[in-house]
Amino acid sequence: MYQIFTTEQFEKQYSKLAPQLQREITKEIGQLEENPLVGKQLG
């Protein structure tokens, strides 16, 4: 299992988001921790 580290800026912006969006982001982070190769490649 991998670990995701967030920045202070992320935490500030994340806390301002709607609860539904926070749940979606948390779910995506969980998936990335399990398998960092999931999803579309950025580059």
PDB file of N, CA and C in Angstrom:
ATOM      1  N   MET A   1       0.846  -1.185   0.000  1.00  0.00           N
ATOM      2  CA  MET A   1       0.000   0.000   0.000  1.00  0.00           C
ATOM      3  C   MET A   1       0.886   1.240   0.000  1.00  0.00           C
ATOM      4  N   TYR A   2       0.469   2.242  -0.723  1.00  0.00           N
ATOM      5  CA  TYR A   2       1.192   3.496  -0.827  1.00  0.00           C
ATOM      6  C   TYR A   2       0.568   4.525   0.100  1.00  0.00           C
ATOM      7  N   GLN A   3       1.283   5.607   0.327  1.00  0.00           N
ATOM      8  CA  GLN A   3       0.781   6.673   1.190  1.00  0.00           C
ATOM      9  C   GLN A   3       0.757   7.982   0.413  1.00  0.00           C
ATOM     10  N   ILE A   4      -0.340   8.702   0.519  1.00  0.00           N
ATOM     11  CA  ILE A   4      -0.498   9.990  -0.151  1.00  0.00           C
ATOM     12  C   ILE A   4      -0.228  11.090   0.867  1.00  0.00           C
ATOM     13  N   PHE A   5       0.640  12.017   0.511  1.00  0.00           N
ATOM     14  CA  PHE A   5       0.926  13.172   1.351  1.00  0.00           C
ATOM     15  C   PHE A   5       0.276  14.390   0.709  1.00  0.00           C
ATOM     16  N   THR A   6      -0.332  15.243   1.510  1.00  0.00           N
ATOM     17  CA  THR A   6      -0.964  16.450   0.992  1.00  0.00           C
ATOM     18  C   THR A   6      -0.222  17.678   1.507  1.00  0.00           C
ATOM     19  N   THR A   7      -0.412  18.763   0.794  1.00  0.00           N
ATOM     20  CA  THR A   7       0.215  20.020   1.186  1.00  0.00           C
ATOM     21  C   THR A   7      -0.740  20.831   2.056  1.00  0.00           C
ATOM     22  N   GLU A   8      -0.199  21.833   2.684  1.00  0.00           N
ATOM     23  CA  GLU A   8      -1.020  22.730   3.494  1.00  0.00           C
ATOM     24  C   GLU A   8      -2.043  23.452   2.611  1.00  0.00           C
ATOM     25  N   GLN A   9      -1.625  23.819   1.415  1.00  0.00           N
ATOM     26  CA  GLN A   9      -2.524  24.485   0.477  1.00  0.00           C
ATOM     27  C   GLN A   9      -3.683  23.563   0.091  1.00  0.00           C
ATOM     28  N   PHE A  10      -3.379  22.278  -0.149  1.00  0.00           N
ATOM     29  CA  PHE A  10      -4.439  21.316  -0.452  1.00  0.00           C
ATOM     30  C   PHE A  10      -5.437  21.248   0.697  1.00  0.00           C
ATOM     31  N   GLU A  11      -4.934  21.143   1.915  1.00  0.00           N
ATOM     32  CA  GLU A  11      -5.814  21.015   3.080  1.00  0.00           C
ATOM     33  C   GLU A  11      -6.738  22.229   3.222  1.00  0.00           C
ATOM     34  N   LYS A  12      -6.212  23.418   2.977  1.00  0.00           N
ATOM     35  CA  LYS A  12      -7.031  24.631   3.071  1.00  0.00           C
ATOM     36  C   LYS A  12      -8.127  24.626   2.013  1.00  0.00           C
ATOM     37  N   GLN A  13      -7.761  24.304   0.775  1.00  0.00           N
ATOM     38  CA  GLN A  13      -8.745  24.302  -0.305  1.00  0.00           C
ATOM     39  C   GLN A  13      -9.751  23.168  -0.142  1.00  0.00           C
ATOM     40  N   TYR A  14      -9.271  22.008   0.292  1.00  0.00           N
ATOM     41  CA  TYR A  14     -10.131  20.848   0.495  1.00  0.00           C
ATOM     42  C   TYR A  14     -11.210  21.149   1.530  1.00  0.00           C
ATOM     43  N   SER A  15     -10.834  21.829   2.605  1.00  0.00           N
ATOM     44  CA  SER A  15     -11.790  22.117   3.674  1.00  0.00           C
ATOM     45  C   SER A  15     -12.893  23.070   3.221  1.00  0.00           C
ATOM     46  N   LYS A  16     -12.667  23.820   2.150  1.00  0.00           N
ATOM     47  CA  LYS A  16     -13.660  24.761   1.640  1.00  0.00           C
ATOM     48  C   LYS A  16     -14.636  24.123   0.652  1.00  0.00           C
ATOM     49  N   LEU A  17     -14.355  22.902   0.231  1.00  0.00           N
ATOM     50  CA  LEU A  17     -15.193  22.231  -0.757  1.00  0.00           C
ATOM     51  C   LEU A  17     -16.483  21.709  -0.139  1.00  0.00           C
ATOM     52  N   ALA A  18     -17.455  21.477  -0.986  1.00  0.00           N
ATOM     53  CA  ALA A  18     -18.723  20.885  -0.556  1.00  0.00           C
ATOM     54  C   ALA A  18     -18.470  19.470  -0.042  1.00  0.00           C
ATOM     55  N   PRO A  19     -19.226  19.030   0.955  1.00  0.00           N
ATOM     56  CA  PRO A  19     -19.020  17.690   1.529  1.00  0.00           C
ATOM     57  C   PRO A  19     -19.041  16.560   0.502  1.00  0.00           C
ATOM     58  N   GLN A  20     -19.930  16.635  -0.478  1.00  0.00           N
ATOM     59  CA  GLN A  20     -20.014  15.585  -1.503  1.00  0.00           C
ATOM     60  C   GLN A  20     -18.711  15.500  -2.290  1.00  0.00           C
ATOM     61  N   LEU A  21     -18.163  16.638  -2.653  1.00  0.00           N
ATOM     62  CA  LEU A  21     -16.910  16.673  -3.399  1.00  0.00           C
ATOM     63  C   LEU A  21     -15.751  16.174  -2.538  1.00  0.00           C
ATOM     64  N   GLN A  22     -15.768  16.501  -1.254  1.00  0.00           N
ATOM     65  CA  GLN A  22     -14.740  15.996  -0.336  1.00  0.00           C
ATOM     66  C   GLN A  22     -14.770  14.468  -0.290  1.00  0.00           C
ATOM     67  N   ARG A  23     -15.966  13.890  -0.243  1.00  0.00           N
ATOM     68  CA  ARG A  23     -16.091  12.425  -0.218  1.00  0.00           C
ATOM     69  C   ARG A  23     -15.540  11.807  -1.500  1.00  0.00           C
ATOM     70  N   GLU A  24     -15.830  12.429  -2.638  1.00  0.00           N
ATOM     71  CA  GLU A  24     -15.332  11.916  -3.919  1.00  0.00           C
ATOM     72  C   GLU A  24     -13.809  11.961  -3.970  1.00  0.00           C
ATOM     73  N   ILE A  25     -13.237  13.056  -3.510  1.00  0.00           N
ATOM     74  CA  ILE A  25     -11.777  13.192  -3.505  1.00  0.00           C
ATOM     75  C   ILE A  25     -11.151  12.183  -2.553  1.00  0.00           C
ATOM     76  N   THR A  26     -11.743  12.012  -1.385  1.00  0.00           N
ATOM     77  CA  THR A  26     -11.239  11.037  -0.417  1.00  0.00           C
ATOM     78  C   THR A  26     -11.265   9.632  -1.006  1.00  0.00           C
ATOM     79  N   LYS A  27     -12.329   9.310  -1.728  1.00  0.00           N
ATOM     80  CA  LYS A  27     -12.434   8.003  -2.383  1.00  0.00           C
ATOM     81  C   LYS A  27     -11.327   7.818  -3.415  1.00  0.00           C
ATOM     82  N   GLU A  28     -11.085   8.854  -4.222  1.00  0.00           N
ATOM     83  CA  GLU A  28     -10.036   8.782  -5.242  1.00  0.00           C
ATOM     84  C   GLU A  28      -8.652   8.636  -4.608  1.00  0.00           C
ATOM     85  N   ILE A  29      -8.412   9.352  -3.535  1.00  0.00           N
ATOM     86  CA  ILE A  29      -7.127   9.241  -2.837  1.00  0.00           C
ATOM     87  C   ILE A  29      -6.957   7.823  -2.310  1.00  0.00           C
ATOM     88  N   GLY A  30      -8.023   7.249  -1.770  1.00  0.00           N
ATOM     89  CA  GLY A  30      -7.970   5.868  -1.285  1.00  0.00           C
ATOM     90  C   GLY A  30      -7.618   4.891  -2.393  1.00  0.00           C
ATOM     91  N   GLN A  31      -8.197   5.108  -3.567  1.00  0.00           N
ATOM     92  CA  GLN A  31      -7.891   4.236  -4.702  1.00  0.00           C
ATOM     93  C   GLN A  31      -6.436   4.376  -5.114  1.00  0.00           C
ATOM     94  N   LEU A  32      -5.923   5.597  -5.101  1.00  0.00           N
ATOM     95  CA  LEU A  32      -4.521   5.814  -5.470  1.00  0.00           C
ATOM     96  C   LEU A  32      -3.570   5.180  -4.455  1.00  0.00           C
ATOM     97  N   GLU A  33      -3.964   5.165  -3.187  1.00  0.00           N
ATOM     98  CA  GLU A  33      -3.135   4.523  -2.169  1.00  0.00           C
ATOM     99  C   GLU A  33      -3.047   3.015  -2.406  1.00  0.00           C
ATOM    100  N   GLU A  34      -4.131   2.443  -2.867  1.00  0.00           N
ATOM    101  CA  GLU A  34      -4.165   1.007  -3.143  1.00  0.00           C
ATOM    102  C   GLU A  34      -3.412   0.659  -4.427  1.00  0.00           C
ATOM    103  N   ASN A  35      -3.607   1.479  -5.455  1.00  0.00           N
ATOM    104  CA  ASN A  35      -2.999   1.220  -6.753  1.00  0.00           C
ATOM    105  C   ASN A  35      -2.686   2.555  -7.428  1.00  0.00           C
ATOM    106  N   PRO A  36      -1.455   3.031  -7.349  1.00  0.00           N
ATOM    107  CA  PRO A  36      -1.113   4.346  -7.903  1.00  0.00           C
ATOM    108  C   PRO A  36      -1.180   4.410  -9.432  1.00  0.00           C
ATOM    109  N   LEU A  37      -1.371   3.287 -10.091  1.00  0.00           N
ATOM    110  CA  LEU A  37      -1.444   3.270 -11.551  1.00  0.00           C
ATOM    111  C   LEU A  37      -2.871   3.345 -12.071  1.00  0.00           C
ATOM    112  N   VAL A  38      -3.853   3.427 -11.186  1.00  0.00           N
ATOM    113  CA  VAL A  38      -5.255   3.480 -11.591  1.00  0.00           C
ATOM    114  C   VAL A  38      -5.551   4.847 -12.223  1.00  0.00           C
ATOM    115  N   GLY A  39      -6.467   4.872 -13.172  1.00  0.00           N
ATOM    116  CA  GLY A  39      -6.886   6.118 -13.797  1.00  0.00           C
ATOM    117  C   GLY A  39      -6.087   6.474 -15.028  1.00  0.00           C
ATOM    118  N   LYS A  40      -6.363   7.646 -15.550  1.00  0.00           N
ATOM    119  CA  LYS A  40      -5.692   8.124 -16.757  1.00  0.00           C
ATOM    120  C   LYS A  40      -4.317   8.666 -16.410  1.00  0.00           C
ATOM    121  N   GLN A  41      -3.360   8.435 -17.310  1.00  0.00           N
ATOM    122  CA  GLN A  41      -2.032   8.989 -17.129  1.00  0.00           C
ATOM    123  C   GLN A  41      -2.060  10.480 -17.402  1.00  0.00           C
ATOM    124  N   LEU A  42      -1.246  11.228 -16.674  1.00  0.00           N
ATOM    125  CA  LEU A  42      -1.237  12.683 -16.824  1.00  0.00           C
ATOM    126  C   LEU A  42      -0.339  13.145 -17.960  1.00  0.00           C
ATOM    127  N   GLY A  43       0.652  12.334 -18.320  1.00  0.00           N
ATOM    128  CA  GLY A  43       1.618  12.801 -19.307  1.00  0.00           C
ATOM    129  C   GLY A  43       1.660  12.091 -20.577  1.00  0.00           C
TER     130      GLY A  43
END
